[in-house]
Amino acid sequence: MKAITIKQPWASLIVHGIKDIENRSWACPKKYLGERVLIHAGADKCGGWFLSNDQSISLIRSKSVLCNTLFNDLPFGSIIGSVEIVDCVRNHPSVWAEKGVYNWVLANPALFKNPIPAKGRLSFWEYDVALKED
């Protein structure tokens, strides 16, 4: 199954159903539109919770457990869920969409009960190990 590595906290926000857009400098290949892909949370712990006001409001309104989660308590270096990529546009109205880049529209997120340790890669990559969702 195809996977894509995304930095935290964005990866967790996606699989928790809060962030509905992934921003990239390149268009999502058409063959992946309508497909479910695994979300791998990168191992890099640089960054933190740097959200715009609108993004912070979106997170708070979600009432997700992420509202009370510290950055260092997020899963890193693991496959944490999956999502469908349903479209690729520019200038999407979502609070998560950045201007001037491609906005991959995401739907139907699934959070895995247990993160699956894995090494990430650039672009799309193949995860060949059988998935075990308890």
C-alpha atoms as a PDB file:
ATOM      1  CA  MET A   1       0.000   0.000   0.000  1.00  0.00           C
ATOM      2  CA  LYS A   2       1.254   3.502  -0.753  1.00  0.00           C
ATOM      3  CA  ALA A   3       2.329   5.720   2.119  1.00  0.00           C
ATOM      4  CA  ILE A   4       3.400   9.327   2.445  1.00  0.00           C
ATOM      5  CA  THR A   5       5.457  10.891   5.214  1.00  0.00           C
ATOM      6  CA  ILE A   6       4.081  14.047   6.797  1.00  0.00           C
ATOM      7  CA  LYS A   7       5.654  16.085   9.607  1.00  0.00           C
ATOM      8  CA  GLN A   8       3.981  16.349  12.974  1.00  0.00           C
ATOM      9  CA  PRO A   9       1.617  17.814  14.090  1.00  0.00           C
ATOM     10  CA  TRP A  10       0.124  17.784  10.579  1.00  0.00           C
ATOM     11  CA  ALA A  11       0.098  13.974  10.312  1.00  0.00           C
ATOM     12  CA  SER A  12      -1.898  13.593  13.540  1.00  0.00           C
ATOM     13  CA  LEU A  13      -4.265  16.398  12.609  1.00  0.00           C
ATOM     14  CA  ILE A  14      -5.002  14.573   9.330  1.00  0.00           C
ATOM     15  CA  VAL A  15      -5.729  11.124  10.781  1.00  0.00           C
ATOM     16  CA  HIS A  16      -7.842  12.657  13.562  1.00  0.00           C
ATOM     17  CA  GLY A  17     -10.050  14.215  10.868  1.00  0.00           C
ATOM     18  CA  ILE A  18      -9.188  17.836  11.685  1.00  0.00           C
ATOM     19  CA  LYS A  19      -6.852  18.840   8.840  1.00  0.00           C
ATOM     20  CA  ASP A  20      -8.584  18.234   5.501  1.00  0.00           C
ATOM     21  CA  ILE A  21      -5.789  19.514   3.246  1.00  0.00           C
ATOM     22  CA  GLU A  22      -2.191  18.480   2.663  1.00  0.00           C
ATOM     23  CA  ASN A  23      -0.096  21.255   1.097  1.00  0.00           C
ATOM     24  CA  ARG A  24       2.646  20.345  -1.360  1.00  0.00           C
ATOM     25  CA  SER A  25       4.748  22.174  -3.932  1.00  0.00           C
ATOM     26  CA  TRP A  26       3.860  19.466  -6.467  1.00  0.00           C
ATOM     27  CA  ALA A  27       0.531  18.200  -7.749  1.00  0.00           C
ATOM     28  CA  CYS A  28      -0.741  14.882  -6.511  1.00  0.00           C
ATOM     29  CA  PRO A  29      -0.353  12.353  -9.339  1.00  0.00           C
ATOM     30  CA  LYS A  30      -3.779  11.596 -10.822  1.00  0.00           C
ATOM     31  CA  LYS A  31      -3.346   7.867 -10.222  1.00  0.00           C
ATOM     32  CA  TYR A  32      -3.590   8.518  -6.469  1.00  0.00           C
ATOM     33  CA  LEU A  33      -6.793  10.573  -6.601  1.00  0.00           C
ATOM     34  CA  GLY A  34      -9.577   8.545  -5.023  1.00  0.00           C
ATOM     35  CA  GLU A  35      -7.042   6.211  -3.400  1.00  0.00           C
ATOM     36  CA  ARG A  36      -6.436   5.501   0.269  1.00  0.00           C
ATOM     37  CA  VAL A  37      -2.848   6.094   1.399  1.00  0.00           C
ATOM     38  CA  LEU A  38      -1.098   5.444   4.673  1.00  0.00           C
ATOM     39  CA  ILE A  39      -0.058   8.448   6.744  1.00  0.00           C
ATOM     40  CA  HIS A  40       3.440   8.168   8.173  1.00  0.00           C
ATOM     41  CA  ALA A  41       4.385  10.657  10.898  1.00  0.00           C
ATOM     42  CA  GLY A  42       7.955  11.734  10.248  1.00  0.00           C
ATOM     43  CA  ALA A  43      10.652  11.182  12.873  1.00  0.00           C
ATOM     44  CA  ASP A  44      11.793  14.829  12.886  1.00  0.00           C
ATOM     45  CA  LYS A  45      10.775  16.632  16.080  1.00  0.00           C
ATOM     46  CA  CYS A  46      11.557  20.129  14.771  1.00  0.00           C
ATOM     47  CA  GLY A  47       8.616  22.471  14.736  1.00  0.00           C
ATOM     48  CA  GLY A  48       5.794  22.243  17.202  1.00  0.00           C
ATOM     49  CA  TRP A  49       2.264  23.538  17.377  1.00  0.00           C
ATOM     50  CA  PHE A  50       2.405  26.644  15.171  1.00  0.00           C
ATOM     51  CA  LEU A  51      -1.178  27.175  14.063  1.00  0.00           C
ATOM     52  CA  SER A  52      -2.904  30.240  12.674  1.00  0.00           C
ATOM     53  CA  ASN A  53      -5.841  31.658  14.640  1.00  0.00           C
ATOM     54  CA  ASP A  54      -8.338  29.979  12.290  1.00  0.00           C
ATOM     55  CA  GLN A  55      -6.487  26.660  12.541  1.00  0.00           C
ATOM     56  CA  SER A  56      -6.415  26.886  16.343  1.00  0.00           C
ATOM     57  CA  ILE A  57     -10.158  27.512  16.375  1.00  0.00           C
ATOM     58  CA  SER A  58     -10.686  24.520  14.068  1.00  0.00           C
ATOM     59  CA  LEU A  59      -8.671  22.319  16.429  1.00  0.00           C
ATOM     60  CA  ILE A  60     -10.542  23.545  19.526  1.00  0.00           C
ATOM     61  CA  ARG A  61     -13.949  23.073  17.854  1.00  0.00           C
ATOM     62  CA  SER A  62     -13.029  19.503  16.969  1.00  0.00           C
ATOM     63  CA  LYS A  63     -12.873  18.638  20.701  1.00  0.00           C
ATOM     64  CA  SER A  64     -10.146  16.165  19.750  1.00  0.00           C
ATOM     65  CA  VAL A  65      -7.746  14.656  22.276  1.00  0.00           C
ATOM     66  CA  LEU A  66      -5.102  16.590  20.329  1.00  0.00           C
ATOM     67  CA  CYS A  67      -6.310  19.780  22.025  1.00  0.00           C
ATOM     68  CA  ASN A  68      -4.559  18.617  25.203  1.00  0.00           C
ATOM     69  CA  THR A  69      -1.630  16.775  23.630  1.00  0.00           C
ATOM     70  CA  LEU A  70       1.914  18.088  23.922  1.00  0.00           C
ATOM     71  CA  PHE A  71       3.960  18.108  20.716  1.00  0.00           C
ATOM     72  CA  ASN A  72       6.552  15.660  22.070  1.00  0.00           C
ATOM     73  CA  ASP A  73       3.764  13.226  23.023  1.00  0.00           C
ATOM     74  CA  LEU A  74       2.664  12.805  19.397  1.00  0.00           C
ATOM     75  CA  PRO A  75       3.766   9.631  17.590  1.00  0.00           C
ATOM     76  CA  PHE A  76       6.921  10.030  15.485  1.00  0.00           C
ATOM     77  CA  GLY A  77       8.538   7.691  12.969  1.00  0.00           C
ATOM     78  CA  SER A  78       5.375   5.612  12.606  1.00  0.00           C
ATOM     79  CA  ILE A  79       2.449   4.905  10.336  1.00  0.00           C
ATOM     80  CA  ILE A  80      -0.466   6.307  12.303  1.00  0.00           C
ATOM     81  CA  GLY A  81      -3.452   5.967   9.997  1.00  0.00           C
ATOM     82  CA  SER A  82      -4.756   6.409   6.488  1.00  0.00           C
ATOM     83  CA  VAL A  83      -6.749   8.847   4.400  1.00  0.00           C
ATOM     84  CA  GLU A  84      -8.246   9.155   0.919  1.00  0.00           C
ATOM     85  CA  ILE A  85      -6.913  11.805  -1.460  1.00  0.00           C
ATOM     86  CA  VAL A  86     -10.037  12.996  -3.276  1.00  0.00           C
ATOM     87  CA  ASP A  87      -8.824  16.049  -5.202  1.00  0.00           C
ATOM     88  CA  CYS A  88      -5.842  18.275  -5.938  1.00  0.00           C
ATOM     89  CA  VAL A  89      -6.497  21.995  -6.373  1.00  0.00           C
ATOM     90  CA  ARG A  90      -5.049  25.413  -5.719  1.00  0.00           C
ATOM     91  CA  ASN A  91      -6.558  28.049  -3.435  1.00  0.00           C
ATOM     92  CA  HIS A  92      -8.918  25.732  -1.562  1.00  0.00           C
ATOM     93  CA  PRO A  93     -11.063  27.641   0.999  1.00  0.00           C
ATOM     94  CA  SER A  94     -10.055  25.388   3.929  1.00  0.00           C
ATOM     95  CA  VAL A  95      -8.238  27.061   6.848  1.00  0.00           C
ATOM     96  CA  TRP A  96      -5.542  24.409   6.323  1.00  0.00           C
ATOM     97  CA  ALA A  97      -4.880  25.357   2.675  1.00  0.00           C
ATOM     98  CA  GLU A  98      -1.786  27.412   1.885  1.00  0.00           C
ATOM     99  CA  LYS A  99      -1.801  29.806  -1.058  1.00  0.00           C
ATOM    100  CA  GLY A 100       0.516  29.316  -4.027  1.00  0.00           C
ATOM    101  CA  VAL A 101       0.893  25.553  -3.596  1.00  0.00           C
ATOM    102  CA  TYR A 102      -1.121  22.461  -4.411  1.00  0.00           C
ATOM    103  CA  ASN A 103      -3.824  21.625  -1.885  1.00  0.00           C
ATOM    104  CA  TRP A 104      -4.520  17.903  -1.732  1.00  0.00           C
ATOM    105  CA  VAL A 105      -8.095  17.469  -0.533  1.00  0.00           C
ATOM    106  CA  LEU A 106      -8.389  14.662   2.018  1.00  0.00           C
ATOM    107  CA  ALA A 107     -11.401  12.643   3.194  1.00  0.00           C
ATOM    108  CA  ASN A 108     -12.345   9.628   5.294  1.00  0.00           C
ATOM    109  CA  PRO A 109      -9.405   9.605   7.708  1.00  0.00           C
ATOM    110  CA  ALA A 110      -8.710   6.537   9.812  1.00  0.00           C
ATOM    111  CA  LEU A 111      -6.610   6.625  12.974  1.00  0.00           C
ATOM    112  CA  PHE A 112      -4.821   3.369  13.782  1.00  0.00           C
ATOM    113  CA  LYS A 113      -5.160   2.175  17.370  1.00  0.00           C
ATOM    114  CA  ASN A 114      -1.420   1.518  17.562  1.00  0.00           C
ATOM    115  CA  PRO A 115       1.287   3.347  15.576  1.00  0.00           C
ATOM    116  CA  ILE A 116       3.382   1.075  13.349  1.00  0.00           C
ATOM    117  CA  PRO A 117       7.091   1.947  13.538  1.00  0.00           C
ATOM    118  CA  ALA A 118       8.493   2.543  10.048  1.00  0.00           C
ATOM    119  CA  LYS A 119      11.141   4.595   8.330  1.00  0.00           C
ATOM    120  CA  GLY A 120       9.701   7.295   6.082  1.00  0.00           C
ATOM    121  CA  ARG A 121      10.785   8.431   2.643  1.00  0.00           C
ATOM    122  CA  LEU A 122      10.239  11.330   0.277  1.00  0.00           C
ATOM    123  CA  SER A 123       7.208  11.382  -2.045  1.00  0.00           C
ATOM    124  CA  PHE A 124       4.949   8.316  -2.160  1.00  0.00           C
ATOM    125  CA  TRP A 125       6.518   5.049  -1.059  1.00  0.00           C
ATOM    126  CA  GLU A 126       5.409   1.462  -0.760  1.00  0.00           C
ATOM    127  CA  TYR A 127       4.708  -0.085   2.639  1.00  0.00           C
ATOM    128  CA  ASP A 128       4.803  -3.842   2.151  1.00  0.00           C
ATOM    129  CA  VAL A 129       4.330  -5.200   5.667  1.00  0.00           C
ATOM    130  CA  ALA A 130       0.876  -6.553   6.474  1.00  0.00           C
ATOM    131  CA  LEU A 131      -1.149  -4.037   8.483  1.00  0.00           C
ATOM    132  CA  LYS A 132      -2.585  -5.136  11.797  1.00  0.00           C
ATOM    133  CA  GLU A 133      -5.396  -2.927  13.042  1.00  0.00           C
ATOM    134  CA  ASP A 134      -6.598  -4.148  16.442  1.00  0.00           C
END
